[in-house]
Amino acid sequence: MSPTPEPAAQPLLEPTGPCILAIEDHDDMREFLQRILERRGYRFLGASDGVDGMELAMQHRPDLILMDLALPTLDGYEATRLLKSKPEYAAIPIVVVTAHARAIDREHAIEAGCDAYISKPYSIHELYAVIDRFLPAAS
């Protein structure tokens, strides 16, 4: 008598909601963002520096970008300025997610073209609330 085959594991569903690009140089923070965003149904793209983030943004045209400010190769301020200067990307909301919590940092980010600003540490609910301002619910 042959053993009874185990039922096939259900594949994880790929998120099908809006696409969010996180440009964050810390691997653990990028992985955290991926988990919480995919759990909510968003498609996720991640970049570890400003240059890679710009390339992903231009290639995939995400629905929203989460932008750290202190990035290698190209900082978040300049990456934002470059993206917002191009008409085909100017409408993509850019939300700063940074440890830079001074008022002057916020002012510079807004001047560069960022649409919202979240200081670390933040709660998941705070992040979701800001995303909800710009995107339809994913789940």
C-alpha atoms as a PDB file:
ATOM      1  CA  MET A   1       0.000   0.000   0.000  1.00  0.00           C
ATOM      2  CA  SER A   2       1.465   3.349  -0.994  1.00  0.00           C
ATOM      3  CA  PRO A   3       1.433   6.286   1.400  1.00  0.00           C
ATOM      4  CA  THR A   4      -1.303   8.853   0.984  1.00  0.00           C
ATOM      5  CA  PRO A   5       0.135  11.927  -0.704  1.00  0.00           C
ATOM      6  CA  GLU A   6      -0.020  15.083   1.348  1.00  0.00           C
ATOM      7  CA  PRO A   7      -2.181  17.828  -0.070  1.00  0.00           C
ATOM      8  CA  ALA A   8      -0.245  20.386  -2.058  1.00  0.00           C
ATOM      9  CA  ALA A   9       0.620  23.487  -0.090  1.00  0.00           C
ATOM     10  CA  GLN A  10      -1.424  26.494  -1.029  1.00  0.00           C
ATOM     11  CA  PRO A  11       0.799  29.006  -2.805  1.00  0.00           C
ATOM     12  CA  LEU A  12       1.033  32.397  -1.200  1.00  0.00           C
ATOM     13  CA  LEU A  13      -1.037  34.887  -3.098  1.00  0.00           C
ATOM     14  CA  GLU A  14       0.963  37.589  -4.763  1.00  0.00           C
ATOM     15  CA  PRO A  15      -0.118  41.054  -3.690  1.00  0.00           C
ATOM     16  CA  THR A  16      -2.179  42.680  -6.416  1.00  0.00           C
ATOM     17  CA  GLY A  17      -2.741  46.145  -4.984  1.00  0.00           C
ATOM     18  CA  PRO A  18      -0.935  49.376  -5.784  1.00  0.00           C
ATOM     19  CA  CYS A  19       2.851  49.256  -6.033  1.00  0.00           C
ATOM     20  CA  ILE A  20       4.999  50.924  -3.360  1.00  0.00           C
ATOM     21  CA  LEU A  21       8.717  51.518  -3.821  1.00  0.00           C
ATOM     22  CA  ALA A  22      10.724  51.806  -0.597  1.00  0.00           C
ATOM     23  CA  ILE A  23      14.105  53.483  -1.021  1.00  0.00           C
ATOM     24  CA  GLU A  24      15.815  52.595   2.255  1.00  0.00           C
ATOM     25  CA  ASP A  25      19.473  51.761   2.845  1.00  0.00           C
ATOM     26  CA  HIS A  26      18.968  49.571   5.930  1.00  0.00           C
ATOM     27  CA  ASP A  27      18.175  45.988   4.920  1.00  0.00           C
ATOM     28  CA  ASP A  28      16.191  45.218   8.074  1.00  0.00           C
ATOM     29  CA  MET A  29      13.984  48.293   7.641  1.00  0.00           C
ATOM     30  CA  ARG A  30      13.390  47.490   3.966  1.00  0.00           C
ATOM     31  CA  GLU A  31      12.447  43.897   4.885  1.00  0.00           C
ATOM     32  CA  PHE A  32      10.117  45.183   7.620  1.00  0.00           C
ATOM     33  CA  LEU A  33       8.414  47.531   5.146  1.00  0.00           C
ATOM     34  CA  GLN A  34       8.073  44.712   2.640  1.00  0.00           C
ATOM     35  CA  ARG A  35       6.370  42.457   5.211  1.00  0.00           C
ATOM     36  CA  ILE A  36       3.886  45.032   6.457  1.00  0.00           C
ATOM     37  CA  LEU A  37       3.055  46.392   3.016  1.00  0.00           C
ATOM     38  CA  GLU A  38       2.608  42.993   1.366  1.00  0.00           C
ATOM     39  CA  ARG A  39       0.506  41.843   4.319  1.00  0.00           C
ATOM     40  CA  ARG A  40      -1.802  44.735   3.484  1.00  0.00           C
ATOM     41  CA  GLY A  41      -1.932  43.730  -0.193  1.00  0.00           C
ATOM     42  CA  TYR A  42       0.503  46.205  -1.743  1.00  0.00           C
ATOM     43  CA  ARG A  43       3.055  45.144  -4.323  1.00  0.00           C
ATOM     44  CA  PHE A  44       6.550  45.987  -3.067  1.00  0.00           C
ATOM     45  CA  LEU A  45       9.757  47.162  -4.686  1.00  0.00           C
ATOM     46  CA  GLY A  46      12.866  47.935  -2.656  1.00  0.00           C
ATOM     47  CA  ALA A  47      16.089  49.813  -3.321  1.00  0.00           C
ATOM     48  CA  SER A  48      19.070  50.334  -1.046  1.00  0.00           C
ATOM     49  CA  ASP A  49      20.325  53.613  -2.494  1.00  0.00           C
ATOM     50  CA  GLY A  50      19.118  56.657  -4.373  1.00  0.00           C
ATOM     51  CA  VAL A  51      20.455  55.669  -7.785  1.00  0.00           C
ATOM     52  CA  ASP A  52      18.851  52.200  -7.717  1.00  0.00           C
ATOM     53  CA  GLY A  53      15.660  53.779  -6.378  1.00  0.00           C
ATOM     54  CA  MET A  54      15.541  56.237  -9.277  1.00  0.00           C
ATOM     55  CA  GLU A  55      16.063  53.424 -11.771  1.00  0.00           C
ATOM     56  CA  LEU A  56      13.280  51.322 -10.231  1.00  0.00           C
ATOM     57  CA  ALA A  57      10.952  54.321 -10.134  1.00  0.00           C
ATOM     58  CA  MET A  58      11.525  55.082 -13.805  1.00  0.00           C
ATOM     59  CA  GLN A  59      11.274  51.433 -14.843  1.00  0.00           C
ATOM     60  CA  HIS A  60       8.173  50.452 -12.827  1.00  0.00           C
ATOM     61  CA  ARG A  61       6.367  53.764 -12.147  1.00  0.00           C
ATOM     62  CA  PRO A  62       5.197  52.829  -8.634  1.00  0.00           C
ATOM     63  CA  ASP A  63       2.001  54.268  -7.207  1.00  0.00           C
ATOM     64  CA  LEU A  64       3.855  55.669  -4.165  1.00  0.00           C
ATOM     65  CA  ILE A  65       7.461  56.005  -2.993  1.00  0.00           C
ATOM     66  CA  LEU A  66       8.681  55.749   0.598  1.00  0.00           C
ATOM     67  CA  MET A  67      11.935  57.724   0.632  1.00  0.00           C
ATOM     68  CA  ASP A  68      14.661  57.757   3.244  1.00  0.00           C
ATOM     69  CA  LEU A  69      16.709  60.963   3.211  1.00  0.00           C
ATOM     70  CA  ALA A  70      20.163  59.694   4.207  1.00  0.00           C
ATOM     71  CA  LEU A  71      20.958  57.392   1.292  1.00  0.00           C
ATOM     72  CA  PRO A  72      24.227  56.370  -0.326  1.00  0.00           C
ATOM     73  CA  THR A  73      25.072  57.516  -3.889  1.00  0.00           C
ATOM     74  CA  LEU A  74      22.161  59.968  -4.141  1.00  0.00           C
ATOM     75  CA  ASP A  75      20.342  61.323  -1.100  1.00  0.00           C
ATOM     76  CA  GLY A  76      16.578  61.393  -0.761  1.00  0.00           C
ATOM     77  CA  TYR A  77      16.331  65.141  -1.289  1.00  0.00           C
ATOM     78  CA  GLU A  78      18.078  65.006  -4.657  1.00  0.00           C
ATOM     79  CA  ALA A  79      16.308  61.815  -5.763  1.00  0.00           C
ATOM     80  CA  THR A  80      12.992  63.521  -5.005  1.00  0.00           C
ATOM     81  CA  ARG A  81      13.981  66.681  -6.903  1.00  0.00           C
ATOM     82  CA  LEU A  82      15.009  64.625  -9.931  1.00  0.00           C
ATOM     83  CA  LEU A  83      11.822  62.556  -9.982  1.00  0.00           C
ATOM     84  CA  LYS A  84       9.525  65.529  -9.405  1.00  0.00           C
ATOM     85  CA  SER A  85      11.272  67.466 -12.209  1.00  0.00           C
ATOM     86  CA  LYS A  86      10.150  64.886 -14.779  1.00  0.00           C
ATOM     87  CA  PRO A  87       6.500  65.297 -15.819  1.00  0.00           C
ATOM     88  CA  GLU A  88       5.947  61.553 -16.190  1.00  0.00           C
ATOM     89  CA  TYR A  89       6.917  60.941 -12.531  1.00  0.00           C
ATOM     90  CA  ALA A  90       5.919  64.217 -10.879  1.00  0.00           C
ATOM     91  CA  ALA A  91       2.506  62.924  -9.782  1.00  0.00           C
ATOM     92  CA  ILE A  92       3.913  59.932  -7.877  1.00  0.00           C
ATOM     93  CA  PRO A  93       3.465  60.711  -4.169  1.00  0.00           C
ATOM     94  CA  ILE A  94       6.742  60.636  -2.260  1.00  0.00           C
ATOM     95  CA  VAL A  95       6.538  60.067   1.490  1.00  0.00           C
ATOM     96  CA  VAL A  96       9.696  60.687   3.499  1.00  0.00           C
ATOM     97  CA  VAL A  97      10.335  58.015   6.136  1.00  0.00           C
ATOM     98  CA  THR A  98      13.410  59.139   8.047  1.00  0.00           C
ATOM     99  CA  ALA A  99      15.179  59.472  11.368  1.00  0.00           C
ATOM    100  CA  HIS A 100      15.810  63.135  10.535  1.00  0.00           C
ATOM    101  CA  ALA A 101      13.175  64.675  12.781  1.00  0.00           C
ATOM    102  CA  ARG A 102      14.216  68.328  12.872  1.00  0.00           C
ATOM    103  CA  ALA A 103      11.854  70.957  11.490  1.00  0.00           C
ATOM    104  CA  ILE A 104      14.514  72.085   8.999  1.00  0.00           C
ATOM    105  CA  ASP A 105      14.768  68.534   7.592  1.00  0.00           C
ATOM    106  CA  ARG A 106      11.004  68.484   7.083  1.00  0.00           C
ATOM    107  CA  GLU A 107      11.117  71.899   5.381  1.00  0.00           C
ATOM    108  CA  HIS A 108      13.902  70.804   3.022  1.00  0.00           C
ATOM    109  CA  ALA A 109      12.034  67.605   2.162  1.00  0.00           C
ATOM    110  CA  ILE A 110       8.843  69.518   1.329  1.00  0.00           C
ATOM    111  CA  GLU A 111      10.855  72.055  -0.703  1.00  0.00           C
ATOM    112  CA  ALA A 112      12.405  69.148  -2.631  1.00  0.00           C
ATOM    113  CA  GLY A 113       8.907  67.972  -3.553  1.00  0.00           C
ATOM    114  CA  CYS A 114       7.996  65.360  -0.947  1.00  0.00           C
ATOM    115  CA  ASP A 115       4.279  65.028  -0.342  1.00  0.00           C
ATOM    116  CA  ALA A 116       4.360  63.823   3.277  1.00  0.00           C
ATOM    117  CA  TYR A 117       6.858  63.233   6.070  1.00  0.00           C
ATOM    118  CA  ILE A 118       7.085  60.556   8.767  1.00  0.00           C
ATOM    119  CA  SER A 119       9.805  60.574  11.419  1.00  0.00           C
ATOM    120  CA  LYS A 120      11.245  57.339  12.797  1.00  0.00           C
ATOM    121  CA  PRO A 121      10.269  55.744  15.037  1.00  0.00           C
ATOM    122  CA  TYR A 122       6.691  55.582  13.814  1.00  0.00           C
ATOM    123  CA  SER A 123       3.797  53.217  14.305  1.00  0.00           C
ATOM    124  CA  ILE A 124       2.532  50.924  11.565  1.00  0.00           C
ATOM    125  CA  HIS A 125      -0.851  52.621  11.903  1.00  0.00           C
ATOM    126  CA  GLU A 126       0.766  56.017  11.297  1.00  0.00           C
ATOM    127  CA  LEU A 127       2.441  54.694   8.150  1.00  0.00           C
ATOM    128  CA  TYR A 128      -0.798  53.132   6.899  1.00  0.00           C
ATOM    129  CA  ALA A 129      -2.696  56.375   7.588  1.00  0.00           C
ATOM    130  CA  VAL A 130      -0.266  58.383   5.457  1.00  0.00           C
ATOM    131  CA  ILE A 131      -0.338  55.810   2.655  1.00  0.00           C
ATOM    132  CA  ASP A 132      -4.159  55.802   2.779  1.00  0.00           C
ATOM    133  CA  ARG A 133      -4.134  59.541   2.019  1.00  0.00           C
ATOM    134  CA  PHE A 134      -2.595  58.797  -1.376  1.00  0.00           C
ATOM    135  CA  LEU A 135      -3.642  55.284  -2.376  1.00  0.00           C
ATOM    136  CA  PRO A 136      -6.848  53.287  -2.434  1.00  0.00           C
ATOM    137  CA  ALA A 137      -7.046  50.482   0.102  1.00  0.00           C
ATOM    138  CA  ALA A 138      -5.094  47.441  -1.112  1.00  0.00           C
ATOM    139  CA  SER A 139      -6.780  44.728   0.920  1.00  0.00           C
END
